[in-house]
N, C-alpha and C. Protein backbone atom coordinates (compact mmCIF):
# COMPACT_ATOMS: atom_id res chain seq x y z
N MET A 1 5.13 -20.34 24.87
CA MET A 1 6.66 -19.95 24.72
C MET A 1 6.88 -18.78 25.37
N PRO A 2 7.69 -18.58 26.81
CA PRO A 2 7.95 -17.38 26.73
C PRO A 2 8.46 -16.47 26.22
N LYS A 3 8.50 -15.20 26.12
CA LYS A 3 8.97 -14.22 25.62
C LYS A 3 10.74 -14.30 25.39
N LYS A 4 11.61 -14.24 24.65
CA LYS A 4 12.86 -14.24 24.64
C LYS A 4 13.55 -12.54 25.17
N ARG A 5 14.17 -12.56 26.37
CA ARG A 5 14.48 -11.44 26.87
C ARG A 5 15.79 -10.98 26.04
N LYS A 6 15.84 -9.65 25.82
CA LYS A 6 17.06 -9.04 25.38
C LYS A 6 18.25 -8.91 26.06
N ASN A 7 19.32 -9.35 25.89
CA ASN A 7 20.78 -8.98 26.54
C ASN A 7 20.86 -7.31 26.34
N PRO A 8 20.54 -6.78 27.78
CA PRO A 8 21.02 -5.77 28.85
C PRO A 8 22.09 -4.78 28.05
N ALA A 9 23.54 -5.72 28.11
CA ALA A 9 24.59 -5.24 26.95
C ALA A 9 24.80 -4.83 25.78
N ALA A 10 24.04 -5.61 25.22
CA ALA A 10 23.45 -5.43 23.67
C ALA A 10 22.82 -4.18 23.64
N VAL A 11 21.50 -4.11 24.18
CA VAL A 11 20.93 -3.10 23.82
C VAL A 11 21.33 -1.71 24.12
N ALA A 12 22.52 -1.69 25.16
CA ALA A 12 23.30 -0.48 25.61
C ALA A 12 24.19 0.15 24.43
N LEU A 13 24.98 -1.19 24.05
CA LEU A 13 25.97 -1.04 22.76
C LEU A 13 25.26 -0.60 21.43
N GLY A 14 23.80 -1.08 21.37
CA GLY A 14 23.23 -0.26 20.33
C GLY A 14 22.70 0.85 20.00
N ALA A 15 22.84 1.42 21.54
CA ALA A 15 21.70 2.43 21.95
C ALA A 15 22.94 3.59 21.37
N ARG A 16 24.13 2.99 21.96
CA ARG A 16 25.48 3.97 22.04
C ARG A 16 25.91 4.22 20.53
N ARG A 17 25.61 2.69 19.61
CA ARG A 17 25.84 3.12 18.80
C ARG A 17 25.77 4.13 17.76
N TRP A 18 24.25 3.83 17.75
CA TRP A 18 22.96 5.10 17.14
C TRP A 18 22.42 6.26 17.78
N TYR A 19 23.45 6.77 18.76
CA TYR A 19 23.23 7.74 19.49
C TYR A 19 23.39 9.18 18.50
N GLY A 20 22.53 9.73 18.39
CA GLY A 20 22.69 11.15 17.87
C GLY A 20 22.14 11.12 16.62
N THR A 21 21.99 9.73 16.04
CA THR A 21 21.38 9.83 14.33
C THR A 21 19.86 9.62 14.15
N THR A 22 19.26 10.02 13.12
CA THR A 22 17.75 9.92 13.24
C THR A 22 17.56 8.51 12.39
N GLN A 23 16.03 8.40 12.49
CA GLN A 23 15.55 7.03 11.97
C GLN A 23 15.90 7.08 10.40
N GLU A 24 15.74 8.15 9.90
CA GLU A 24 15.91 8.23 8.16
C GLU A 24 17.60 7.82 8.25
N GLU A 25 18.24 8.01 8.96
CA GLU A 25 19.94 8.05 8.39
C GLU A 25 20.17 6.58 8.67
N ARG A 26 19.23 5.78 9.67
CA ARG A 26 19.54 4.02 10.16
C ARG A 26 18.94 3.66 8.76
N THR A 27 17.67 4.25 8.72
CA THR A 27 17.26 3.21 7.47
C THR A 27 18.18 3.57 6.44
N ALA A 28 18.53 4.63 5.70
CA ALA A 28 19.76 4.72 4.93
C ALA A 28 21.11 4.23 4.91
N TYR A 29 21.24 3.65 6.01
CA TYR A 29 22.49 3.38 6.43
C TYR A 29 22.26 1.80 6.01
N ALA A 30 21.22 1.27 6.60
CA ALA A 30 20.82 -0.12 6.64
C ALA A 30 20.51 -0.83 5.20
N LYS A 31 19.87 -0.09 4.28
CA LYS A 31 19.87 0.01 2.84
C LYS A 31 21.12 -0.29 2.24
N TRP A 32 22.18 0.60 2.65
CA TRP A 32 23.16 0.45 1.99
C TRP A 32 24.36 -0.71 2.03
N VAL A 33 23.88 -1.21 3.59
CA VAL A 33 24.68 -2.68 4.10
C VAL A 33 24.12 -3.56 3.16
N ALA A 34 23.02 -3.54 3.17
CA ALA A 34 22.09 -4.65 2.39
C ALA A 34 22.25 -4.82 0.95
N SER A 35 22.61 -3.47 0.24
CA SER A 35 22.65 -3.72 -1.02
C SER A 35 24.15 -4.35 -1.55
N HIS A 36 24.97 -4.42 -0.51
CA HIS A 36 26.27 -5.34 -0.97
C HIS A 36 26.32 -6.71 -0.52
N ASN A 37 26.63 -7.29 -1.82
CA ASN A 37 26.89 -8.80 -1.58
C ASN A 37 25.61 -9.53 -1.17
N SER A 38 24.85 -9.13 -1.76
CA SER A 38 23.85 -9.54 -1.51
C SER A 38 23.33 -10.80 -2.09
N GLY A 39 23.71 -11.73 -2.22
CA GLY A 39 23.08 -12.92 -3.20
C GLY A 39 24.32 -13.27 -3.65
N ARG A 40 23.96 -14.75 -4.44
CA ARG A 40 24.99 -14.89 -5.19
C ARG A 40 24.37 -14.52 -7.11
N PRO A 41 25.34 -14.46 -7.88
CA PRO A 41 24.61 -13.78 -8.99
C PRO A 41 24.27 -15.13 -9.69
N ARG A 42 23.46 -14.61 -10.51
CA ARG A 42 22.39 -15.37 -11.77
C ARG A 42 23.40 -16.30 -12.64
N LYS A 43 22.83 -17.32 -12.78
CA LYS A 43 23.67 -18.37 -14.17
C LYS A 43 23.18 -17.65 -15.46
N THR A 44 23.83 -17.39 -16.29
CA THR A 44 23.79 -16.92 -17.49
C THR A 44 23.38 -17.70 -18.50
N ASP A 45 23.68 -18.88 -18.46
CA ASP A 45 24.06 -19.80 -19.35
C ASP A 45 22.79 -21.01 -19.57
N VAL A 46 21.72 -20.51 -18.84
CA VAL A 46 21.05 -21.15 -18.43
C VAL A 46 19.14 -20.91 -19.25
N PRO A 47 18.51 -21.89 -19.19
CA PRO A 47 17.33 -21.21 -19.88
C PRO A 47 16.56 -20.59 -18.49
N ARG A 48 15.79 -19.61 -18.43
CA ARG A 48 14.98 -19.23 -17.82
C ARG A 48 13.65 -19.03 -18.14
N CYS A 49 12.41 -18.89 -17.14
CA CYS A 49 11.29 -19.05 -16.88
C CYS A 49 10.54 -17.73 -17.75
N ALA A 50 9.54 -17.30 -18.15
CA ALA A 50 9.18 -16.19 -18.73
C ALA A 50 9.33 -14.97 -18.17
N CYS A 51 9.13 -15.16 -17.15
CA CYS A 51 9.58 -13.88 -16.42
C CYS A 51 11.00 -13.35 -15.98
N GLY A 52 11.75 -14.72 -15.81
CA GLY A 52 13.18 -14.26 -15.62
C GLY A 52 13.91 -14.65 -14.52
N ASN A 53 12.76 -14.54 -13.55
CA ASN A 53 12.96 -14.63 -11.65
C ASN A 53 13.57 -16.49 -11.96
N MET A 54 13.16 -17.22 -12.44
CA MET A 54 14.13 -18.41 -11.61
C MET A 54 14.72 -19.09 -13.09
N THR A 55 15.22 -20.19 -13.00
CA THR A 55 15.66 -21.09 -14.35
C THR A 55 14.54 -21.69 -14.42
N LEU A 56 14.48 -22.51 -15.83
CA LEU A 56 13.62 -23.12 -15.99
C LEU A 56 13.24 -24.58 -15.40
N HIS A 57 14.53 -25.16 -15.27
CA HIS A 57 14.38 -26.34 -14.10
C HIS A 57 13.49 -25.88 -13.31
N THR A 58 14.00 -24.98 -12.11
CA THR A 58 13.80 -24.96 -11.11
C THR A 58 12.01 -24.40 -11.12
N ALA A 59 11.43 -23.72 -12.05
CA ALA A 59 10.16 -23.57 -12.19
C ALA A 59 9.27 -24.63 -12.38
N THR A 60 9.97 -25.48 -13.37
CA THR A 60 9.55 -26.94 -13.76
C THR A 60 9.15 -27.56 -12.38
N ILE A 61 10.19 -27.71 -11.70
CA ILE A 61 9.91 -28.62 -10.52
C ILE A 61 9.10 -27.93 -9.74
N ARG A 62 9.08 -26.88 -9.36
CA ARG A 62 8.30 -26.04 -8.47
C ARG A 62 6.72 -26.04 -8.88
N GLY A 63 6.29 -26.30 -10.01
CA GLY A 63 5.12 -25.96 -11.03
C GLY A 63 4.38 -27.62 -10.23
N GLY A 64 4.94 -28.71 -10.32
CA GLY A 64 4.08 -30.01 -9.90
C GLY A 64 2.91 -30.06 -10.33
N LYS A 65 2.16 -30.72 -9.74
CA LYS A 65 0.76 -31.03 -9.98
C LYS A 65 0.29 -29.80 -10.14
N ARG A 66 -0.11 -29.18 -8.75
CA ARG A 66 -0.56 -27.95 -8.11
C ARG A 66 -0.18 -26.63 -8.46
N GLY A 67 1.06 -26.80 -8.65
CA GLY A 67 1.99 -25.82 -8.91
C GLY A 67 2.01 -24.37 -7.94
N THR A 68 2.77 -23.23 -8.15
CA THR A 68 2.85 -22.33 -7.23
C THR A 68 3.20 -21.14 -7.83
N SER A 69 2.74 -20.20 -7.62
CA SER A 69 2.99 -18.90 -8.10
C SER A 69 4.42 -18.03 -7.56
N VAL A 70 4.48 -18.48 -6.42
CA VAL A 70 5.55 -17.98 -5.64
C VAL A 70 7.34 -17.61 -6.37
N GLY A 71 7.55 -16.67 -6.54
CA GLY A 71 8.69 -16.23 -7.48
C GLY A 71 8.48 -15.80 -8.44
N HIS A 72 7.25 -16.15 -9.07
CA HIS A 72 7.08 -15.44 -10.36
C HIS A 72 6.13 -14.16 -10.68
N LYS A 73 6.32 -13.45 -11.58
CA LYS A 73 5.52 -12.23 -11.87
C LYS A 73 4.39 -12.49 -12.50
N PRO A 74 3.09 -11.79 -12.47
CA PRO A 74 2.01 -11.94 -13.44
C PRO A 74 2.36 -11.86 -14.63
N GLY A 75 1.58 -12.63 -15.39
CA GLY A 75 1.91 -12.88 -16.89
C GLY A 75 2.89 -13.71 -17.08
N CYS A 76 3.55 -14.29 -16.24
CA CYS A 76 4.56 -15.36 -16.54
C CYS A 76 3.74 -17.09 -16.91
N THR A 77 4.48 -17.71 -17.44
CA THR A 77 3.84 -18.84 -17.93
C THR A 77 3.79 -20.09 -16.59
N PHE A 78 4.45 -19.53 -15.82
CA PHE A 78 4.08 -20.60 -14.56
C PHE A 78 3.41 -19.77 -13.53
N TYR A 79 2.92 -18.53 -13.57
CA TYR A 79 2.26 -17.82 -12.68
C TYR A 79 0.94 -18.39 -12.63
N LEU A 80 0.50 -18.80 -11.70
CA LEU A 80 -0.82 -19.06 -11.40
C LEU A 80 -1.62 -18.29 -10.64
N THR A 81 -2.87 -17.58 -11.54
CA THR A 81 -4.02 -16.95 -11.21
C THR A 81 -4.59 -17.16 -10.08
N PRO A 82 -4.94 -16.72 -8.91
CA PRO A 82 -5.31 -16.99 -7.66
C PRO A 82 -6.88 -17.49 -8.08
N LYS A 83 -7.08 -18.67 -7.22
CA LYS A 83 -8.61 -19.22 -7.98
C LYS A 83 -9.44 -18.26 -6.89
N ALA A 84 -10.87 -18.00 -7.35
CA ALA A 84 -11.78 -17.56 -6.85
C ALA A 84 -12.43 -18.54 -5.45
N GLU A 85 -12.17 -17.94 -4.30
CA GLU A 85 -12.87 -18.46 -3.10
C GLU A 85 -14.26 -18.88 -3.12
N VAL A 86 -14.97 -20.43 -2.65
CA VAL A 86 -16.21 -20.79 -2.65
C VAL A 86 -16.64 -20.51 -1.27
N ALA A 87 -17.53 -19.50 -1.62
CA ALA A 87 -18.42 -19.25 -0.22
C ALA A 87 -19.20 -19.94 0.39
């Protein structure tokens, strides 16, 4: 698949927008923007898994037969320790 080419007009507008700012200033601005309105609020009236990252219902569904540790912190009852690879 060929690499998608960037729109020259968009590149020029971006360069003009950030002209005279440092990388640190751009990063700080991006973090500030990302901190606003990021995601919906958590449900507070439902039981959660031990680490509190997801509802107990979702954790049970994702657990399945083999389970997954995605989204859980180590120490959570739904967190699966990585199995040692067989060489």
